[in-house]
């Protein structure tokens, strides 16, 4: 499968959103947000150092971001795990649970990784900004957690 590129139509998604206006879980899909910018940021795991840095960066710039786009964090963690992560760090935006790995595969971020000499499949830290027309406005792969929020905000300007 080739990597998604700016200018391509964004793959459709359907998932359960937890947090933000969705409380403990509401089904959402890409078409619900037609006419709006949508930020989908994929991250490896709730409540790990890099993922916490990334999420808290978005939280800290939330007032500026929420006026420009609908933001969803996505990992393969469960809805229960997402709820704990949101509560622990007071995240104002929703997280999508992708335990079936449909979204990570559709967006091409389920990749082979390696750590300590062992290879395994996992989520590549990547962000996709979808324009009001459903077309990818920006694609950021292998983003650095500490730089992520500003990168997203700049792309939405």
N, C-alpha and C. Protein backbone atom coordinates (compact mmCIF):
# COMPACT_ATOMS: atom_id res chain seq x y z
N UNK A 1 0.85 -1.19 0.00
CA UNK A 1 0.00 0.00 0.00
C UNK A 1 0.89 1.25 0.00
N UNK A 2 0.56 2.19 -0.85
CA UNK A 2 1.37 3.41 -0.90
C UNK A 2 0.93 4.38 0.20
N UNK A 3 1.86 5.21 0.61
CA UNK A 3 1.56 6.17 1.67
C UNK A 3 0.58 7.22 1.17
N UNK A 4 -0.30 7.64 2.05
CA UNK A 4 -1.23 8.72 1.72
C UNK A 4 -0.45 10.01 1.55
N UNK A 5 -0.89 10.82 0.59
CA UNK A 5 -0.21 12.07 0.28
C UNK A 5 -1.19 13.23 0.33
N UNK A 6 -0.65 14.41 0.56
CA UNK A 6 -1.43 15.64 0.48
C UNK A 6 -2.12 15.68 -0.88
N UNK A 7 -3.38 16.10 -0.91
CA UNK A 7 -4.13 16.19 -2.16
C UNK A 7 -5.01 14.99 -2.44
N UNK A 8 -4.78 13.87 -1.73
CA UNK A 8 -5.63 12.69 -1.90
C UNK A 8 -6.87 12.82 -1.02
N UNK A 9 -7.91 12.10 -1.39
CA UNK A 9 -9.09 12.03 -0.53
C UNK A 9 -8.73 11.27 0.74
N UNK A 10 -9.22 11.74 1.85
CA UNK A 10 -8.96 11.07 3.13
C UNK A 10 -9.78 9.78 3.20
N UNK A 11 -9.20 8.70 3.69
CA UNK A 11 -9.99 7.49 3.89
C UNK A 11 -11.13 7.73 4.87
N UNK A 12 -12.27 7.16 4.57
CA UNK A 12 -13.42 7.27 5.46
C UNK A 12 -13.07 6.62 6.79
N UNK A 13 -13.62 7.15 7.87
CA UNK A 13 -13.46 6.46 9.14
C UNK A 13 -14.77 6.42 9.88
N UNK A 14 -14.89 5.42 10.72
CA UNK A 14 -16.04 5.25 11.59
C UNK A 14 -15.49 4.65 12.87
N UNK A 15 -15.73 5.30 14.01
CA UNK A 15 -15.15 4.83 15.26
C UNK A 15 -15.96 5.37 16.43
N UNK A 16 -15.58 4.95 17.62
CA UNK A 16 -16.20 5.47 18.84
C UNK A 16 -15.29 6.54 19.43
N UNK A 17 -15.86 7.73 19.60
CA UNK A 17 -15.13 8.85 20.20
C UNK A 17 -15.42 8.91 21.69
N UNK A 18 -14.36 9.11 22.47
CA UNK A 18 -14.47 9.23 23.93
C UNK A 18 -13.89 10.58 24.31
N UNK A 19 -14.58 11.30 25.20
CA UNK A 19 -14.08 12.59 25.68
C UNK A 19 -14.59 13.75 24.87
N UNK A 20 -14.18 14.95 25.27
CA UNK A 20 -14.67 16.16 24.62
C UNK A 20 -16.19 16.16 24.65
N UNK A 21 -16.85 16.52 23.55
CA UNK A 21 -18.31 16.56 23.54
C UNK A 21 -18.96 15.18 23.48
N UNK A 22 -18.15 14.11 23.39
CA UNK A 22 -18.69 12.76 23.21
C UNK A 22 -18.78 11.95 24.50
N UNK A 23 -18.39 12.54 25.62
CA UNK A 23 -18.52 11.85 26.90
C UNK A 23 -17.85 10.50 26.92
N UNK A 24 -18.59 9.49 27.34
CA UNK A 24 -18.03 8.15 27.48
C UNK A 24 -18.15 7.30 26.22
N UNK A 25 -18.52 7.92 25.12
CA UNK A 25 -18.50 7.17 23.87
C UNK A 25 -19.67 7.45 22.96
N UNK A 26 -19.37 7.91 21.76
CA UNK A 26 -20.36 8.16 20.72
C UNK A 26 -19.74 7.77 19.38
N UNK A 27 -20.53 7.15 18.54
CA UNK A 27 -20.06 6.76 17.22
C UNK A 27 -19.94 8.00 16.33
N UNK A 28 -18.81 8.13 15.65
CA UNK A 28 -18.58 9.24 14.73
C UNK A 28 -18.00 8.70 13.42
N UNK A 29 -18.15 9.48 12.37
CA UNK A 29 -17.55 9.12 11.08
C UNK A 29 -17.12 10.39 10.37
N UNK A 30 -16.22 10.24 9.41
CA UNK A 30 -15.66 11.40 8.72
C UNK A 30 -16.74 12.29 8.13
N UNK A 31 -17.76 11.71 7.56
CA UNK A 31 -18.81 12.52 6.91
C UNK A 31 -19.56 13.42 7.90
N UNK A 32 -19.49 13.12 9.19
CA UNK A 32 -20.12 13.99 10.20
C UNK A 32 -19.49 15.38 10.21
N UNK A 33 -18.29 15.50 9.68
CA UNK A 33 -17.52 16.74 9.79
C UNK A 33 -17.30 17.42 8.44
N UNK A 34 -18.16 17.10 7.47
CA UNK A 34 -18.07 17.75 6.15
C UNK A 34 -18.15 19.25 6.35
N UNK A 35 -17.30 19.99 5.66
CA UNK A 35 -17.28 21.45 5.77
C UNK A 35 -16.37 21.97 6.86
N UNK A 36 -15.71 21.07 7.59
CA UNK A 36 -14.81 21.48 8.67
C UNK A 36 -13.43 20.86 8.45
N UNK A 37 -12.41 21.53 8.98
CA UNK A 37 -11.08 20.92 9.04
C UNK A 37 -11.10 19.85 10.12
N UNK A 38 -10.45 18.73 9.85
CA UNK A 38 -10.36 17.64 10.82
C UNK A 38 -8.89 17.26 10.97
N UNK A 39 -8.44 17.16 12.20
CA UNK A 39 -7.09 16.69 12.50
C UNK A 39 -7.20 15.30 13.11
N UNK A 40 -6.56 14.34 12.46
CA UNK A 40 -6.46 12.98 13.01
C UNK A 40 -5.01 12.76 13.37
N UNK A 41 -4.75 12.61 14.66
CA UNK A 41 -3.36 12.32 15.03
C UNK A 41 -3.29 10.93 15.64
N UNK A 42 -2.45 10.11 15.04
CA UNK A 42 -2.27 8.73 15.46
C UNK A 42 -1.07 8.66 16.40
N UNK A 43 -1.25 7.95 17.50
CA UNK A 43 -0.17 7.82 18.48
C UNK A 43 -0.14 6.39 18.99
N UNK A 44 1.03 5.93 19.47
CA UNK A 44 1.17 4.52 19.85
C UNK A 44 0.37 4.03 21.05
N UNK A 45 0.38 4.76 22.17
CA UNK A 45 -0.23 4.19 23.37
C UNK A 45 -0.57 5.26 24.40
N UNK A 46 -1.74 5.12 25.00
CA UNK A 46 -2.16 6.04 26.06
C UNK A 46 -1.17 6.03 27.23
N UNK A 47 -0.98 7.21 27.82
CA UNK A 47 -0.24 7.36 29.08
C UNK A 47 1.20 6.83 29.03
N UNK A 48 1.86 7.02 27.89
CA UNK A 48 3.29 6.75 27.79
C UNK A 48 3.98 8.11 27.63
N UNK A 49 5.26 8.21 27.91
CA UNK A 49 5.90 9.53 27.93
C UNK A 49 5.72 10.37 26.65
N UNK A 50 6.04 9.80 25.49
CA UNK A 50 5.92 10.57 24.25
C UNK A 50 4.49 10.93 23.92
N UNK A 51 3.59 9.98 24.12
CA UNK A 51 2.18 10.22 23.81
C UNK A 51 1.55 11.22 24.76
N UNK A 52 1.99 11.22 26.00
CA UNK A 52 1.51 12.21 26.96
C UNK A 52 2.02 13.60 26.59
N UNK A 53 3.28 13.71 26.23
CA UNK A 53 3.85 14.99 25.79
C UNK A 53 3.05 15.53 24.60
N UNK A 54 2.77 14.65 23.64
CA UNK A 54 2.04 15.04 22.44
C UNK A 54 0.63 15.52 22.79
N UNK A 55 -0.09 14.75 23.58
CA UNK A 55 -1.47 15.10 23.93
C UNK A 55 -1.53 16.38 24.76
N UNK A 56 -0.61 16.53 25.71
CA UNK A 56 -0.62 17.72 26.55
C UNK A 56 -0.23 18.97 25.76
N UNK A 57 0.59 18.81 24.72
CA UNK A 57 0.89 19.94 23.85
C UNK A 57 -0.36 20.45 23.15
N UNK A 58 -1.18 19.53 22.66
CA UNK A 58 -2.44 19.92 22.03
C UNK A 58 -3.38 20.55 23.06
N UNK A 59 -3.42 19.96 24.25
CA UNK A 59 -4.25 20.52 25.32
C UNK A 59 -3.86 21.96 25.62
N UNK A 60 -2.56 22.22 25.67
CA UNK A 60 -2.08 23.55 26.03
C UNK A 60 -2.34 24.58 24.94
N UNK A 61 -2.51 24.16 23.69
CA UNK A 61 -2.84 25.07 22.59
C UNK A 61 -4.31 24.95 22.17
N UNK A 62 -5.11 24.32 23.03
CA UNK A 62 -6.49 23.99 22.67
C UNK A 62 -7.33 25.20 22.26
N UNK A 63 -7.21 26.30 22.98
CA UNK A 63 -8.04 27.47 22.64
C UNK A 63 -7.80 27.92 21.20
N UNK A 64 -6.57 27.87 20.74
CA UNK A 64 -6.27 28.25 19.35
C UNK A 64 -6.69 27.17 18.36
N UNK A 65 -6.52 25.91 18.73
CA UNK A 65 -6.82 24.80 17.82
C UNK A 65 -8.32 24.59 17.61
N UNK A 66 -9.09 24.66 18.68
CA UNK A 66 -10.51 24.31 18.57
C UNK A 66 -11.29 25.24 17.64
N UNK A 67 -10.80 26.45 17.44
CA UNK A 67 -11.46 27.39 16.53
C UNK A 67 -11.17 27.06 15.07
N UNK A 68 -10.15 26.22 14.83
CA UNK A 68 -9.71 25.96 13.46
C UNK A 68 -10.03 24.56 12.95
N UNK A 69 -10.26 23.61 13.86
CA UNK A 69 -10.46 22.23 13.42
C UNK A 69 -11.10 21.37 14.51
N UNK A 70 -11.66 20.27 14.06
CA UNK A 70 -12.09 19.20 14.95
C UNK A 70 -10.86 18.30 15.10
N UNK A 71 -10.49 17.98 16.33
CA UNK A 71 -9.26 17.22 16.59
C UNK A 71 -9.61 15.88 17.24
N UNK A 72 -9.02 14.81 16.71
CA UNK A 72 -9.16 13.49 17.30
C UNK A 72 -7.79 12.84 17.43
N UNK A 73 -7.50 12.32 18.62
CA UNK A 73 -6.35 11.46 18.81
C UNK A 73 -6.81 10.03 18.56
N UNK A 74 -5.96 9.20 17.97
CA UNK A 74 -6.34 7.83 17.65
C UNK A 74 -5.23 6.88 18.06
N UNK A 75 -5.62 5.85 18.81
CA UNK A 75 -4.71 4.75 19.10
C UNK A 75 -5.52 3.47 19.14
N UNK A 76 -4.83 2.35 19.24
CA UNK A 76 -5.53 1.06 19.29
C UNK A 76 -5.98 0.71 20.71
N UNK A 77 -5.78 1.63 21.65
CA UNK A 77 -6.21 1.40 23.03
C UNK A 77 -7.73 1.34 23.13
N UNK A 78 -8.23 0.77 24.21
CA UNK A 78 -9.66 0.63 24.44
C UNK A 78 -10.30 1.96 24.85
N UNK A 79 -11.60 2.01 24.80
CA UNK A 79 -12.34 3.20 25.24
C UNK A 79 -12.06 3.46 26.73
N UNK A 80 -11.96 2.41 27.51
CA UNK A 80 -11.68 2.55 28.95
C UNK A 80 -10.30 3.17 29.17
N UNK A 81 -9.31 2.72 28.42
CA UNK A 81 -7.97 3.28 28.51
C UNK A 81 -7.98 4.76 28.13
N UNK A 82 -8.70 5.08 27.05
CA UNK A 82 -8.81 6.48 26.61
C UNK A 82 -9.42 7.35 27.72
N UNK A 83 -10.47 6.85 28.37
CA UNK A 83 -11.14 7.63 29.42
C UNK A 83 -10.15 7.93 30.54
N UNK A 84 -9.36 6.97 30.95
CA UNK A 84 -8.37 7.18 32.02
C UNK A 84 -7.33 8.22 31.59
N UNK A 85 -6.86 8.12 30.34
CA UNK A 85 -5.86 9.05 29.80
C UNK A 85 -6.43 10.48 29.77
N UNK A 86 -7.64 10.61 29.29
CA UNK A 86 -8.30 11.92 29.22
C UNK A 86 -8.45 12.52 30.62
N UNK A 87 -8.93 11.71 31.55
CA UNK A 87 -9.14 12.20 32.91
C UNK A 87 -7.84 12.58 33.61
N UNK A 88 -6.83 11.75 33.45
CA UNK A 88 -5.55 11.97 34.13
C UNK A 88 -4.90 13.28 33.70
N UNK A 89 -4.99 13.60 32.40
CA UNK A 89 -4.29 14.78 31.87
C UNK A 89 -5.23 15.91 31.44
N UNK A 90 -6.51 15.78 31.78
CA UNK A 90 -7.52 16.81 31.49
C UNK A 90 -7.49 17.21 30.01
N UNK A 91 -7.56 16.20 29.16
CA UNK A 91 -7.52 16.45 27.71
C UNK A 91 -8.90 16.94 27.26
N UNK A 92 -8.97 18.08 26.57
CA UNK A 92 -10.26 18.65 26.17
C UNK A 92 -10.80 18.11 24.84
N UNK A 93 -10.02 17.30 24.15
CA UNK A 93 -10.42 16.78 22.84
C UNK A 93 -10.68 15.28 22.94
N UNK A 94 -11.48 14.75 22.01
CA UNK A 94 -11.81 13.34 22.05
C UNK A 94 -10.72 12.45 21.46
N UNK A 95 -10.75 11.20 21.90
CA UNK A 95 -9.87 10.16 21.39
C UNK A 95 -10.73 9.09 20.73
N UNK A 96 -10.24 8.54 19.63
CA UNK A 96 -10.94 7.46 18.94
C UNK A 96 -10.26 6.15 19.27
N UNK A 97 -11.08 5.16 19.60
CA UNK A 97 -10.57 3.82 19.87
C UNK A 97 -10.55 3.03 18.57
N UNK A 98 -9.39 2.50 18.23
CA UNK A 98 -9.21 1.74 17.00
C UNK A 98 -8.70 0.34 17.33
N UNK A 99 -9.37 -0.33 18.26
CA UNK A 99 -8.91 -1.64 18.71
C UNK A 99 -8.95 -2.68 17.59
N UNK A 100 -9.75 -2.45 16.56
CA UNK A 100 -9.81 -3.37 15.42
C UNK A 100 -8.69 -3.09 14.42
N UNK A 101 -7.97 -2.00 14.60
CA UNK A 101 -6.85 -1.58 13.75
C UNK A 101 -7.29 -1.19 12.34
N UNK A 102 -8.56 -0.91 12.14
CA UNK A 102 -9.03 -0.51 10.81
C UNK A 102 -8.48 0.85 10.40
N UNK A 103 -8.48 1.81 11.32
CA UNK A 103 -8.02 3.16 10.99
C UNK A 103 -6.52 3.22 10.77
N UNK A 104 -5.75 2.58 11.66
CA UNK A 104 -4.30 2.62 11.50
C UNK A 104 -3.88 1.98 10.18
N UNK A 105 -4.60 0.97 9.76
CA UNK A 105 -4.29 0.32 8.48
C UNK A 105 -4.76 1.18 7.30
N UNK A 106 -5.96 1.75 7.39
CA UNK A 106 -6.48 2.59 6.31
C UNK A 106 -5.59 3.80 6.05
N UNK A 107 -5.02 4.35 7.12
CA UNK A 107 -4.17 5.54 6.99
C UNK A 107 -2.69 5.18 6.83
N UNK A 108 -2.39 3.89 6.79
CA UNK A 108 -1.02 3.44 6.52
C UNK A 108 -0.04 3.69 7.64
N UNK A 109 -0.53 3.71 8.88
CA UNK A 109 0.38 3.99 10.01
C UNK A 109 0.60 2.76 10.90
N UNK A 110 0.08 1.60 10.51
CA UNK A 110 0.35 0.34 11.21
C UNK A 110 1.58 -0.24 10.53
N UNK A 111 2.73 -0.10 11.18
CA UNK A 111 4.01 -0.39 10.54
C UNK A 111 4.87 -1.30 11.41
N UNK A 112 5.90 -1.86 10.78
CA UNK A 112 6.87 -2.65 11.53
C UNK A 112 7.80 -1.69 12.26
N UNK A 113 7.97 -1.94 13.53
CA UNK A 113 8.85 -1.12 14.37
C UNK A 113 9.86 -2.05 15.03
N UNK A 114 10.89 -1.46 15.61
CA UNK A 114 11.83 -2.29 16.35
C UNK A 114 12.30 -1.56 17.61
N UNK A 115 12.51 -2.36 18.64
CA UNK A 115 13.02 -1.83 19.91
C UNK A 115 13.83 -2.93 20.58
N UNK A 116 15.02 -2.56 21.00
CA UNK A 116 15.91 -3.51 21.68
C UNK A 116 16.13 -4.77 20.85
N UNK A 117 16.24 -4.60 19.53
CA UNK A 117 16.53 -5.71 18.65
C UNK A 117 15.34 -6.57 18.27
N UNK A 118 14.16 -6.25 18.78
CA UNK A 118 12.97 -7.03 18.46
C UNK A 118 12.07 -6.21 17.53
N UNK A 119 11.51 -6.88 16.54
CA UNK A 119 10.58 -6.19 15.64
C UNK A 119 9.15 -6.56 16.02
N UNK A 120 8.26 -5.62 15.81
CA UNK A 120 6.85 -5.81 16.13
C UNK A 120 6.04 -4.82 15.31
N UNK A 121 4.75 -5.04 15.23
CA UNK A 121 3.87 -4.12 14.54
C UNK A 121 3.32 -3.10 15.55
N UNK A 122 3.26 -1.84 15.11
CA UNK A 122 2.77 -0.79 15.99
C UNK A 122 2.37 0.44 15.19
N UNK A 123 1.86 1.42 15.90
CA UNK A 123 1.37 2.65 15.28
C UNK A 123 2.51 3.65 15.12
N UNK A 124 2.68 4.14 13.90
CA UNK A 124 3.64 5.21 13.63
C UNK A 124 2.98 6.54 14.01
N UNK A 125 3.68 7.34 14.78
CA UNK A 125 3.17 8.64 15.21
C UNK A 125 3.03 9.54 13.97
N UNK A 126 1.80 9.75 13.53
CA UNK A 126 1.54 10.49 12.31
C UNK A 126 0.27 11.33 12.46
N UNK A 127 0.21 12.42 11.70
CA UNK A 127 -0.94 13.31 11.75
C UNK A 127 -1.41 13.63 10.34
N UNK A 128 -2.73 13.64 10.19
CA UNK A 128 -3.36 13.95 8.92
C UNK A 128 -4.34 15.10 9.14
N UNK A 129 -4.20 16.14 8.33
CA UNK A 129 -5.13 17.26 8.39
C UNK A 129 -6.00 17.18 7.15
N UNK A 130 -7.30 17.04 7.39
CA UNK A 130 -8.28 16.87 6.33
C UNK A 130 -9.04 18.18 6.17
N UNK A 131 -9.11 18.67 4.95
CA UNK A 131 -9.80 19.92 4.68
C UNK A 131 -11.32 19.74 4.68
N UNK A 132 -12.04 20.85 4.62
CA UNK A 132 -13.51 20.82 4.63
C UNK A 132 -14.10 19.99 3.49
N UNK A 133 -13.31 19.78 2.43
CA UNK A 133 -13.77 19.03 1.27
C UNK A 133 -13.41 17.54 1.34
N UNK A 134 -12.82 17.09 2.45
CA UNK A 134 -12.46 15.68 2.61
C UNK A 134 -11.13 15.30 2.00
N UNK A 135 -10.37 16.31 1.56
CA UNK A 135 -9.06 16.08 0.94
C UNK A 135 -7.95 16.35 1.96
N UNK A 136 -6.90 15.55 1.92
CA UNK A 136 -5.77 15.73 2.84
C UNK A 136 -5.05 17.03 2.53
N UNK A 137 -5.05 17.94 3.51
CA UNK A 137 -4.34 19.22 3.37
C UNK A 137 -2.88 19.10 3.78
N UNK A 138 -2.61 18.21 4.73
CA UNK A 138 -1.24 18.02 5.22
C UNK A 138 -1.10 16.61 5.79
N UNK A 139 0.11 16.05 5.64
CA UNK A 139 0.44 14.74 6.20
C UNK A 139 1.78 14.88 6.89
N UNK A 140 1.81 14.55 8.17
CA UNK A 140 3.05 14.60 8.95
C UNK A 140 3.32 13.21 9.50
N UNK A 141 4.44 12.63 9.11
CA UNK A 141 4.82 11.30 9.57
C UNK A 141 5.99 11.41 10.55
N UNK A 142 6.03 10.45 11.47
CA UNK A 142 7.12 10.35 12.45
C UNK A 142 7.35 11.70 13.15
N UNK A 143 6.27 12.31 13.59
CA UNK A 143 6.38 13.61 14.24
C UNK A 143 7.02 13.49 15.61
N UNK A 144 7.67 14.55 16.04
CA UNK A 144 8.27 14.60 17.37
C UNK A 144 7.18 15.10 18.33
N UNK A 145 6.95 14.39 19.43
CA UNK A 145 5.86 14.75 20.34
C UNK A 145 5.89 16.20 20.82
N UNK A 146 7.06 16.72 21.16
CA UNK A 146 7.15 18.08 21.71
C UNK A 146 6.87 19.16 20.67
N UNK A 147 7.03 18.84 19.38
CA UNK A 147 6.84 19.82 18.32
C UNK A 147 5.48 19.70 17.64
N UNK A 148 4.75 18.65 17.96
CA UNK A 148 3.53 18.30 17.24
C UNK A 148 2.46 19.39 17.28
N UNK A 149 2.11 19.88 18.45
CA UNK A 149 0.99 20.82 18.56
C UNK A 149 1.23 22.08 17.74
N UNK A 150 2.42 22.63 17.80
CA UNK A 150 2.71 23.84 17.03
C UNK A 150 2.70 23.54 15.53
N UNK A 151 3.18 22.38 15.15
CA UNK A 151 3.16 21.97 13.74
C UNK A 151 1.72 21.93 13.21
N UNK A 152 0.82 21.37 13.99
CA UNK A 152 -0.58 21.30 13.60
C UNK A 152 -1.19 22.70 13.53
N UNK A 153 -0.95 23.51 14.54
CA UNK A 153 -1.50 24.87 14.55
C UNK A 153 -1.00 25.67 13.35
N UNK A 154 0.29 25.57 13.06
CA UNK A 154 0.85 26.30 11.91
C UNK A 154 0.21 25.84 10.60
N UNK A 155 -0.03 24.55 10.47
CA UNK A 155 -0.63 24.01 9.24
C UNK A 155 -2.08 24.46 9.06
N UNK A 156 -2.73 24.78 10.15
CA UNK A 156 -4.13 25.22 10.09
C UNK A 156 -4.28 26.72 9.88
N UNK A 157 -3.18 27.47 9.91
CA UNK A 157 -3.23 28.94 9.75
C UNK A 157 -3.63 29.31 8.34
